[in-house]
């Protein structure tokens, strides 16, 4: 069975734990030099590390470029199955 994809494609590219690119980003929820929390097409992604910096943010294209020493990547929450606001989903 073929999986149907909605929204932007989501990918992560990280080079030598020093610089990376994340696509499919819909929002930056929080960031500091030790963690960056991104809302993506596949759920909430937390990047933990040291000296993390957002080099380029292009939310209209769904891309974030980061620099710093990455220690871990963690997804939380389920992949968003339905699009739209909570109110719209409740009052269909």
PDB file of N, CA and C in Angstrom:
ATOM      1  N   UNK A   1       0.846  -1.177   0.000  1.00  0.00           N
ATOM      2  CA  UNK A   1       0.000   0.000   0.000  1.00  0.00           C
ATOM      3  C   UNK A   1       0.889   1.238   0.000  1.00  0.00           C
ATOM      4  N   UNK A   2       0.618   2.148  -0.881  1.00  0.00           N
ATOM      5  CA  UNK A   2       1.410   3.370  -0.999  1.00  0.00           C
ATOM      6  C   UNK A   2       0.923   4.412  -0.005  1.00  0.00           C
ATOM      7  N   UNK A   3       1.874   5.039   0.697  1.00  0.00           N
ATOM      8  CA  UNK A   3       1.534   6.061   1.678  1.00  0.00           C
ATOM      9  C   UNK A   3       1.341   7.394   0.974  1.00  0.00           C
ATOM     10  N   UNK A   4       0.245   8.059   1.279  1.00  0.00           N
ATOM     11  CA  UNK A   4      -0.048   9.368   0.694  1.00  0.00           C
ATOM     12  C   UNK A   4       0.598  10.447   1.549  1.00  0.00           C
ATOM     13  N   UNK A   5       1.349  11.325   0.908  1.00  0.00           N
ATOM     14  CA  UNK A   5       2.024  12.413   1.628  1.00  0.00           C
ATOM     15  C   UNK A   5       1.244  13.705   1.451  1.00  0.00           C
ATOM     16  N   UNK A   6       1.052  14.397   2.546  1.00  0.00           N
ATOM     17  CA  UNK A   6       0.416  15.716   2.528  1.00  0.00           C
ATOM     18  C   UNK A   6       1.442  16.746   2.935  1.00  0.00           C
ATOM     19  N   UNK A   7       1.322  17.940   2.407  1.00  0.00           N
ATOM     20  CA  UNK A   7       2.216  19.018   2.806  1.00  0.00           C
ATOM     21  C   UNK A   7       3.582  18.891   2.165  1.00  0.00           C
ATOM     22  N   UNK A   8       4.551  19.512   2.812  1.00  0.00           N
ATOM     23  CA  UNK A   8       5.924  19.535   2.298  1.00  0.00           C
ATOM     24  C   UNK A   8       6.675  18.267   2.691  1.00  0.00           C
ATOM     25  N   UNK A   9       7.628  17.861   1.866  1.00  0.00           N
ATOM     26  CA  UNK A   9       8.468  16.727   2.258  1.00  0.00           C
ATOM     27  C   UNK A   9       9.329  17.099   3.462  1.00  0.00           C
ATOM     28  N   UNK A  10       9.567  16.134   4.328  1.00  0.00           N
ATOM     29  CA  UNK A  10      10.353  16.361   5.540  1.00  0.00           C
ATOM     30  C   UNK A  10      11.654  15.573   5.438  1.00  0.00           C
ATOM     31  N   UNK A  11      12.763  16.267   5.656  1.00  0.00           N
ATOM     32  CA  UNK A  11      14.056  15.590   5.661  1.00  0.00           C
ATOM     33  C   UNK A  11      15.008  16.293   6.614  1.00  0.00           C
ATOM     34  N   UNK A  12      16.015  15.539   7.041  1.00  0.00           N
ATOM     35  CA  UNK A  12      17.054  16.078   7.915  1.00  0.00           C
ATOM     36  C   UNK A  12      18.394  15.714   7.301  1.00  0.00           C
ATOM     37  N   UNK A  13      19.263  16.715   7.162  1.00  0.00           N
ATOM     38  CA  UNK A  13      20.624  16.490   6.700  1.00  0.00           C
ATOM     39  C   UNK A  13      21.550  17.143   7.709  1.00  0.00           C
ATOM     40  N   UNK A  14      22.497  16.364   8.226  1.00  0.00           N
ATOM     41  CA  UNK A  14      23.436  16.918   9.203  1.00  0.00           C
ATOM     42  C   UNK A  14      24.840  16.501   8.797  1.00  0.00           C
ATOM     43  N   UNK A  15      25.767  17.438   8.748  1.00  0.00           N
ATOM     44  CA  UNK A  15      27.137  17.176   8.319  1.00  0.00           C
ATOM     45  C   UNK A  15      28.102  17.277   9.489  1.00  0.00           C
ATOM     46  N   UNK A  16      28.744  16.156   9.813  1.00  0.00           N
ATOM     47  CA  UNK A  16      29.781  16.095  10.853  1.00  0.00           C
ATOM     48  C   UNK A  16      29.336  16.658  12.205  1.00  0.00           C
ATOM     49  N   UNK A  17      28.047  16.567  12.495  1.00  0.00           N
ATOM     50  CA  UNK A  17      27.479  17.068  13.753  1.00  0.00           C
ATOM     51  C   UNK A  17      27.738  18.560  13.952  1.00  0.00           C
ATOM     52  N   UNK A  18      28.046  19.297  12.878  1.00  0.00           N
ATOM     53  CA  UNK A  18      28.378  20.720  12.995  1.00  0.00           C
ATOM     54  C   UNK A  18      27.387  21.635  12.292  1.00  0.00           C
ATOM     55  N   UNK A  19      26.732  21.158  11.251  1.00  0.00           N
ATOM     56  CA  UNK A  19      25.793  21.992  10.504  1.00  0.00           C
ATOM     57  C   UNK A  19      24.719  21.095   9.927  1.00  0.00           C
ATOM     58  N   UNK A  20      23.490  21.619   9.875  1.00  0.00           N
ATOM     59  CA  UNK A  20      22.395  20.805   9.369  1.00  0.00           C
ATOM     60  C   UNK A  20      21.299  21.610   8.728  1.00  0.00           C
ATOM     61  N   UNK A  21      20.433  20.878   8.040  1.00  0.00           N
ATOM     62  CA  UNK A  21      19.300  21.461   7.347  1.00  0.00           C
ATOM     63  C   UNK A  21      18.084  20.577   7.614  1.00  0.00           C
ATOM     64  N   UNK A  22      16.957  21.196   7.968  1.00  0.00           N
ATOM     65  CA  UNK A  22      15.714  20.470   8.190  1.00  0.00           C
ATOM     66  C   UNK A  22      14.670  21.070   7.258  1.00  0.00           C
ATOM     67  N   UNK A  23      13.976  20.215   6.508  1.00  0.00           N
ATOM     68  CA  UNK A  23      12.898  20.667   5.639  1.00  0.00           C
ATOM     69  C   UNK A  23      11.569  20.115   6.166  1.00  0.00           C
ATOM     70  N   UNK A  24      10.481  20.677   5.681  1.00  0.00           N
ATOM     71  CA  UNK A  24       9.164  20.270   6.156  1.00  0.00           C
ATOM     72  C   UNK A  24       8.810  20.906   7.480  1.00  0.00           C
ATOM     73  N   UNK A  25       9.455  22.023   7.806  1.00  0.00           N
ATOM     74  CA  UNK A  25       9.238  22.732   9.076  1.00  0.00           C
ATOM     75  C   UNK A  25       8.054  23.685   8.917  1.00  0.00           C
ATOM     76  N   UNK A  26       7.125  23.622   9.864  1.00  0.00           N
ATOM     77  CA  UNK A  26       5.974  24.525   9.830  1.00  0.00           C
ATOM     78  C   UNK A  26       6.073  25.650  10.850  1.00  0.00           C
ATOM     79  N   UNK A  27       6.899  25.459  11.917  1.00  0.00           N
ATOM     80  CA  UNK A  27       7.031  26.491  12.941  1.00  0.00           C
ATOM     81  C   UNK A  27       8.255  26.203  13.802  1.00  0.00           C
ATOM     82  N   UNK A  28       8.855  27.254  14.354  1.00  0.00           N
ATOM     83  CA  UNK A  28       9.912  27.127  15.357  1.00  0.00           C
ATOM     84  C   UNK A  28       9.249  27.406  16.697  1.00  0.00           C
ATOM     85  N   UNK A  29       9.170  26.382  17.548  1.00  0.00           N
ATOM     86  CA  UNK A  29       8.475  26.524  18.824  1.00  0.00           C
ATOM     87  C   UNK A  29       9.345  27.170  19.890  1.00  0.00           C
ATOM     88  N   UNK A  30      10.635  26.824  19.917  1.00  0.00           N
ATOM     89  CA  UNK A  30      11.566  27.471  20.849  1.00  0.00           C
ATOM     90  C   UNK A  30      12.993  27.161  20.412  1.00  0.00           C
ATOM     91  N   UNK A  31      13.913  28.001  20.878  1.00  0.00           N
ATOM     92  CA  UNK A  31      15.321  27.747  20.589  1.00  0.00           C
ATOM     93  C   UNK A  31      16.198  28.489  21.579  1.00  0.00           C
ATOM     94  N   UNK A  32      17.317  27.877  21.888  1.00  0.00           N
ATOM     95  CA  UNK A  32      18.405  28.500  22.628  1.00  0.00           C
ATOM     96  C   UNK A  32      19.676  27.769  22.208  1.00  0.00           C
ATOM     97  N   UNK A  33      20.795  28.038  22.850  1.00  0.00           N
ATOM     98  CA  UNK A  33      22.046  27.448  22.386  1.00  0.00           C
ATOM     99  C   UNK A  33      22.173  25.957  22.706  1.00  0.00           C
ATOM    100  N   UNK A  34      21.241  25.415  23.523  1.00  0.00           N
ATOM    101  CA  UNK A  34      21.283  23.996  23.871  1.00  0.00           C
ATOM    102  C   UNK A  34      20.183  23.157  23.238  1.00  0.00           C
ATOM    103  N   UNK A  35      19.140  23.786  22.702  1.00  0.00           N
ATOM    104  CA  UNK A  35      18.075  23.022  22.053  1.00  0.00           C
ATOM    105  C   UNK A  35      17.290  23.894  21.084  1.00  0.00           C
ATOM    106  N   UNK A  36      16.787  23.231  20.046  1.00  0.00           N
ATOM    107  CA  UNK A  36      15.907  23.872  19.071  1.00  0.00           C
ATOM    108  C   UNK A  36      14.703  22.949  18.924  1.00  0.00           C
ATOM    109  N   UNK A  37      13.493  23.487  19.085  1.00  0.00           N
ATOM    110  CA  UNK A  37      12.274  22.695  18.979  1.00  0.00           C
ATOM    111  C   UNK A  37      11.502  23.185  17.765  1.00  0.00           C
ATOM    112  N   UNK A  38      11.290  22.262  16.811  1.00  0.00           N
ATOM    113  CA  UNK A  38      10.639  22.589  15.545  1.00  0.00           C
ATOM    114  C   UNK A  38       9.359  21.785  15.376  1.00  0.00           C
ATOM    115  N   UNK A  39       8.329  22.411  14.866  1.00  0.00           N
ATOM    116  CA  UNK A  39       7.130  21.682  14.459  1.00  0.00           C
ATOM    117  C   UNK A  39       7.334  21.322  13.001  1.00  0.00           C
ATOM    118  N   UNK A  40       7.257  20.035  12.671  1.00  0.00           N
ATOM    119  CA  UNK A  40       7.479  19.584  11.304  1.00  0.00           C
ATOM    120  C   UNK A  40       6.240  18.863  10.794  1.00  0.00           C
ATOM    121  N   UNK A  41       6.274  18.484   9.540  1.00  0.00           N
ATOM    122  CA  UNK A  41       5.184  17.718   8.938  1.00  0.00           C
ATOM    123  C   UNK A  41       5.039  16.346   9.590  1.00  0.00           C
ATOM    124  N   UNK A  42       6.080  15.876  10.290  1.00  0.00           N
ATOM    125  CA  UNK A  42       6.061  14.556  10.909  1.00  0.00           C
ATOM    126  C   UNK A  42       5.959  14.599  12.430  1.00  0.00           C
ATOM    127  N   UNK A  43       5.683  15.747  13.014  1.00  0.00           N
ATOM    128  CA  UNK A  43       5.570  15.889  14.462  1.00  0.00           C
ATOM    129  C   UNK A  43       6.586  16.899  14.983  1.00  0.00           C
ATOM    130  N   UNK A  44       6.691  16.976  16.300  1.00  0.00           N
ATOM    131  CA  UNK A  44       7.611  17.909  16.945  1.00  0.00           C
ATOM    132  C   UNK A  44       9.003  17.300  17.002  1.00  0.00           C
ATOM    133  N   UNK A  45       9.988  18.042  16.508  1.00  0.00           N
ATOM    134  CA  UNK A  45      11.377  17.593  16.469  1.00  0.00           C
ATOM    135  C   UNK A  45      12.196  18.457  17.423  1.00  0.00           C
ATOM    136  N   UNK A  46      12.904  17.817  18.356  1.00  0.00           N
ATOM    137  CA  UNK A  46      13.792  18.520  19.281  1.00  0.00           C
ATOM    138  C   UNK A  46      15.231  18.158  18.942  1.00  0.00           C
ATOM    139  N   UNK A  47      16.024  19.183  18.672  1.00  0.00           N
ATOM    140  CA  UNK A  47      17.451  19.015  18.410  1.00  0.00           C
ATOM    141  C   UNK A  47      18.177  19.500  19.656  1.00  0.00           C
ATOM    142  N   UNK A  48      18.963  18.623  20.276  1.00  0.00           N
ATOM    143  CA  UNK A  48      19.733  19.003  21.465  1.00  0.00           C
ATOM    144  C   UNK A  48      21.208  18.973  21.129  1.00  0.00           C
ATOM    145  N   UNK A  49      21.940  19.903  21.739  1.00  0.00           N
ATOM    146  CA  UNK A  49      23.371  19.971  21.491  1.00  0.00           C
ATOM    147  C   UNK A  49      24.003  21.136  22.230  1.00  0.00           C
ATOM    148  N   UNK A  50      25.098  21.627  21.670  1.00  0.00           N
ATOM    149  CA  UNK A  50      25.824  22.748  22.277  1.00  0.00           C
ATOM    150  C   UNK A  50      26.091  23.790  21.208  1.00  0.00           C
ATOM    151  N   UNK A  51      26.031  25.035  21.602  1.00  0.00           N
ATOM    152  CA  UNK A  51      26.299  26.170  20.699  1.00  0.00           C
ATOM    153  C   UNK A  51      25.441  26.121  19.439  1.00  0.00           C
ATOM    154  N   UNK A  52      24.165  25.761  19.592  1.00  0.00           N
ATOM    155  CA  UNK A  52      23.262  25.691  18.444  1.00  0.00           C
ATOM    156  C   UNK A  52      22.817  27.089  18.040  1.00  0.00           C
ATOM    157  N   UNK A  53      22.825  27.349  16.747  1.00  0.00           N
ATOM    158  CA  UNK A  53      22.395  28.637  16.201  1.00  0.00           C
ATOM    159  C   UNK A  53      21.587  28.371  14.941  1.00  0.00           C
ATOM    160  N   UNK A  54      20.537  29.141  14.764  1.00  0.00           N
ATOM    161  CA  UNK A  54      19.769  29.075  13.525  1.00  0.00           C
ATOM    162  C   UNK A  54      20.422  30.044  12.554  1.00  0.00           C
ATOM    163  N   UNK A  55      21.010  29.498  11.498  1.00  0.00           N
ATOM    164  CA  UNK A  55      21.709  30.321  10.515  1.00  0.00           C
ATOM    165  C   UNK A  55      20.760  30.954   9.519  1.00  0.00           C
ATOM    166  N   UNK A  56      19.784  30.169   9.062  1.00  0.00           N
ATOM    167  CA  UNK A  56      18.835  30.681   8.091  1.00  0.00           C
ATOM    168  C   UNK A  56      17.486  30.044   8.354  1.00  0.00           C
ATOM    169  N   UNK A  57      16.446  30.873   8.389  1.00  0.00           N
ATOM    170  CA  UNK A  57      15.085  30.419   8.650  1.00  0.00           C
ATOM    171  C   UNK A  57      14.203  30.871   7.497  1.00  0.00           C
ATOM    172  N   UNK A  58      13.606  29.913   6.819  1.00  0.00           N
ATOM    173  CA  UNK A  58      12.717  30.214   5.691  1.00  0.00           C
ATOM    174  C   UNK A  58      11.415  29.430   5.886  1.00  0.00           C
ATOM    175  N   UNK A  59      10.552  29.900   6.781  1.00  0.00           N
ATOM    176  CA  UNK A  59       9.334  29.172   7.077  1.00  0.00           C
ATOM    177  C   UNK A  59       8.390  29.109   5.879  1.00  0.00           C
ATOM    178  N   UNK A  60       8.428  30.118   4.998  1.00  0.00           N
ATOM    179  CA  UNK A  60       7.569  30.067   3.819  1.00  0.00           C
ATOM    180  C   UNK A  60       7.954  28.909   2.904  1.00  0.00           C
ATOM    181  N   UNK A  61       9.209  28.472   2.956  1.00  0.00           N
ATOM    182  CA  UNK A  61       9.674  27.315   2.189  1.00  0.00           C
ATOM    183  C   UNK A  61       9.800  26.071   3.068  1.00  0.00           C
ATOM    184  N   UNK A  62       9.588  26.243   4.382  1.00  0.00           N
ATOM    185  CA  UNK A  62       9.651  25.118   5.305  1.00  0.00           C
ATOM    186  C   UNK A  62      11.053  24.634   5.607  1.00  0.00           C
ATOM    187  N   UNK A  63      12.053  25.524   5.574  1.00  0.00           N
ATOM    188  CA  UNK A  63      13.443  25.120   5.779  1.00  0.00           C
ATOM    189  C   UNK A  63      14.096  25.879   6.932  1.00  0.00           C
ATOM    190  N   UNK A  64      14.939  25.157   7.666  1.00  0.00           N
ATOM    191  CA  UNK A  64      15.738  25.748   8.738  1.00  0.00           C
ATOM    192  C   UNK A  64      17.158  25.211   8.597  1.00  0.00           C
ATOM    193  N   UNK A  65      18.134  26.106   8.608  1.00  0.00           N
ATOM    194  CA  UNK A  65      19.541  25.717   8.613  1.00  0.00           C
ATOM    195  C   UNK A  65      20.106  26.045   9.982  1.00  0.00           C
ATOM    196  N   UNK A  66      20.854  25.096  10.563  1.00  0.00           N
ATOM    197  CA  UNK A  66      21.410  25.264  11.899  1.00  0.00           C
ATOM    198  C   UNK A  66      22.892  24.948  11.908  1.00  0.00           C
ATOM    199  N   UNK A  67      23.577  25.513  12.891  1.00  0.00           N
ATOM    200  CA  UNK A  67      24.987  25.233  13.135  1.00  0.00           C
ATOM    201  C   UNK A  67      25.153  24.928  14.609  1.00  0.00           C
ATOM    202  N   UNK A  68      26.169  24.165  14.937  1.00  0.00           N
ATOM    203  CA  UNK A  68      26.461  23.821  16.316  1.00  0.00           C
ATOM    204  C   UNK A  68      26.712  22.342  16.443  1.00  0.00           C
ATOM    205  N   UNK A  69      27.063  21.902  17.629  1.00  0.00           N
ATOM    206  CA  UNK A  69      27.343  20.493  17.876  1.00  0.00           C
ATOM    207  C   UNK A  69      26.056  19.784  18.274  1.00  0.00           C
ATOM    208  N   UNK A  70      25.545  18.941  17.379  1.00  0.00           N
ATOM    209  CA  UNK A  70      24.296  18.232  17.605  1.00  0.00           C
ATOM    210  C   UNK A  70      24.577  16.956  18.394  1.00  0.00           C
ATOM    211  N   UNK A  71      23.826  16.757  19.491  1.00  0.00           N
ATOM    212  CA  UNK A  71      23.962  15.556  20.305  1.00  0.00           C
ATOM    213  C   UNK A  71      22.825  14.568  20.076  1.00  0.00           C
ATOM    214  N   UNK A  72      21.584  15.076  19.868  1.00  0.00           N
ATOM    215  CA  UNK A  72      20.465  14.162  19.668  1.00  0.00           C
ATOM    216  C   UNK A  72      19.332  14.834  18.894  1.00  0.00           C
ATOM    217  N   UNK A  73      18.563  13.982  18.222  1.00  0.00           N
ATOM    218  CA  UNK A  73      17.336  14.390  17.529  1.00  0.00           C
ATOM    219  C   UNK A  73      16.223  13.515  18.078  1.00  0.00           C
ATOM    220  N   UNK A  74      15.124  14.142  18.527  1.00  0.00           N
ATOM    221  CA  UNK A  74      14.028  13.385  19.123  1.00  0.00           C
ATOM    222  C   UNK A  74      12.703  13.893  18.579  1.00  0.00           C
ATOM    223  N   UNK A  75      11.852  12.959  18.133  1.00  0.00           N
ATOM    224  CA  UNK A  75      10.498  13.306  17.734  1.00  0.00           C
ATOM    225  C   UNK A  75       9.566  13.036  18.898  1.00  0.00           C
ATOM    226  N   UNK A  76       8.560  13.891  19.044  1.00  0.00           N
ATOM    227  CA  UNK A  76       7.523  13.665  20.046  1.00  0.00           C
ATOM    228  C   UNK A  76       6.175  13.942  19.405  1.00  0.00           C
ATOM    229  N   UNK A  77       5.163  13.326  19.952  1.00  0.00           N
ATOM    230  CA  UNK A  77       3.835  13.491  19.386  1.00  0.00           C
ATOM    231  C   UNK A  77       3.694  12.671  18.121  1.00  0.00           C
ATOM    232  N   UNK A  78       2.471  12.494  17.724  1.00  0.00           N
ATOM    233  CA  UNK A  78       2.183  11.725  16.518  1.00  0.00           C
ATOM    234  C   UNK A  78       2.338  12.599  15.295  1.00  0.00           C
ATOM    235  N   UNK A  79       2.558  11.962  14.199  1.00  0.00           N
ATOM    236  CA  UNK A  79       2.585  12.664  12.922  1.00  0.00           C
ATOM    237  C   UNK A  79       1.212  13.265  12.696  1.00  0.00           C
ATOM    238  N   UNK A  80       1.139  14.552  12.328  1.00  0.00           N
ATOM    239  CA  UNK A  80      -0.167  15.165  12.146  1.00  0.00           C
ATOM    240  C   UNK A  80      -0.936  14.488  11.017  1.00  0.00           C
ATOM    241  N   UNK A  81      -2.032  13.839  11.367  1.00  0.00           N
ATOM    242  CA  UNK A  81      -2.822  13.113  10.372  1.00  0.00           C
ATOM    243  C   UNK A  81      -3.847  14.025   9.710  1.00  0.00           C
ATOM    244  N   UNK A  82      -4.329  15.010  10.455  1.00  0.00           N
ATOM    245  CA  UNK A  82      -5.366  15.893   9.928  1.00  0.00           C
ATOM    246  C   UNK A  82      -4.864  17.320   9.913  1.00  0.00           C
ATOM    247  N   UNK A  83      -5.226  18.039   8.902  1.00  0.00           N
ATOM    248  CA  UNK A  83      -4.828  19.438   8.773  1.00  0.00           C
ATOM    249  C   UNK A  83      -5.981  20.329   9.215  1.00  0.00           C
ATOM    250  N   UNK A  84      -5.638  21.543   9.607  1.00  0.00           N
ATOM    251  CA  UNK A  84      -6.655  22.516   9.989  1.00  0.00           C
ATOM    252  C   UNK A  84      -6.612  22.808  11.473  1.00  0.00           C
ATOM    253  N   UNK A  85      -7.331  23.824  11.854  1.00  0.00           N
ATOM    254  CA  UNK A  85      -7.342  24.230  13.249  1.00  0.00           C
ATOM    255  C   UNK A  85      -8.166  23.263  14.076  1.00  0.00           C
ATOM    256  N   UNK A  86      -7.955  23.310  15.389  1.00  0.00           N
ATOM    257  CA  UNK A  86      -8.704  22.465  16.304  1.00  0.00           C
ATOM    258  C   UNK A  86     -10.193  22.759  16.202  1.00  0.00           C
ATOM    259  N   UNK A  87     -10.566  24.031  16.154  1.00  0.00           N
ATOM    260  CA  UNK A  87     -11.972  24.396  16.048  1.00  0.00           C
ATOM    261  C   UNK A  87     -12.595  23.848  14.780  1.00  0.00           C
ATOM    262  N   UNK A  88     -11.863  23.918  13.683  1.00  0.00           N
ATOM    263  CA  UNK A  88     -12.389  23.410  12.420  1.00  0.00           C
ATOM    264  C   UNK A  88     -12.610  21.904  12.479  1.00  0.00           C
ATOM    265  N   UNK A  89     -11.683  21.184  13.118  1.00  0.00           N
ATOM    266  CA  UNK A  89     -11.825  19.740  13.231  1.00  0.00           C
ATOM    267  C   UNK A  89     -12.968  19.360  14.178  1.00  0.00           C
ATOM    268  N   UNK A  90     -13.198  20.157  15.238  1.00  0.00           N
ATOM    269  CA  UNK A  90     -14.253  19.859  16.188  1.00  0.00           C
ATOM    270  C   UNK A  90     -15.641  20.116  15.621  1.00  0.00           C
ATOM    271  N   UNK A  91     -15.785  21.154  14.801  1.00  0.00           N
ATOM    272  CA  UNK A  91     -17.108  21.572  14.324  1.00  0.00           C
ATOM    273  C   UNK A  91     -17.327  21.282  12.858  1.00  0.00           C
ATOM    274  N   UNK A  92     -16.950  20.116  12.402  1.00  0.00           N
ATOM    275  CA  UNK A  92     -17.201  19.719  11.008  1.00  0.00           C
ATOM    276  C   UNK A  92     -18.643  19.412  10.787  1.00  0.00           C
TER     277      UNK A  92
END
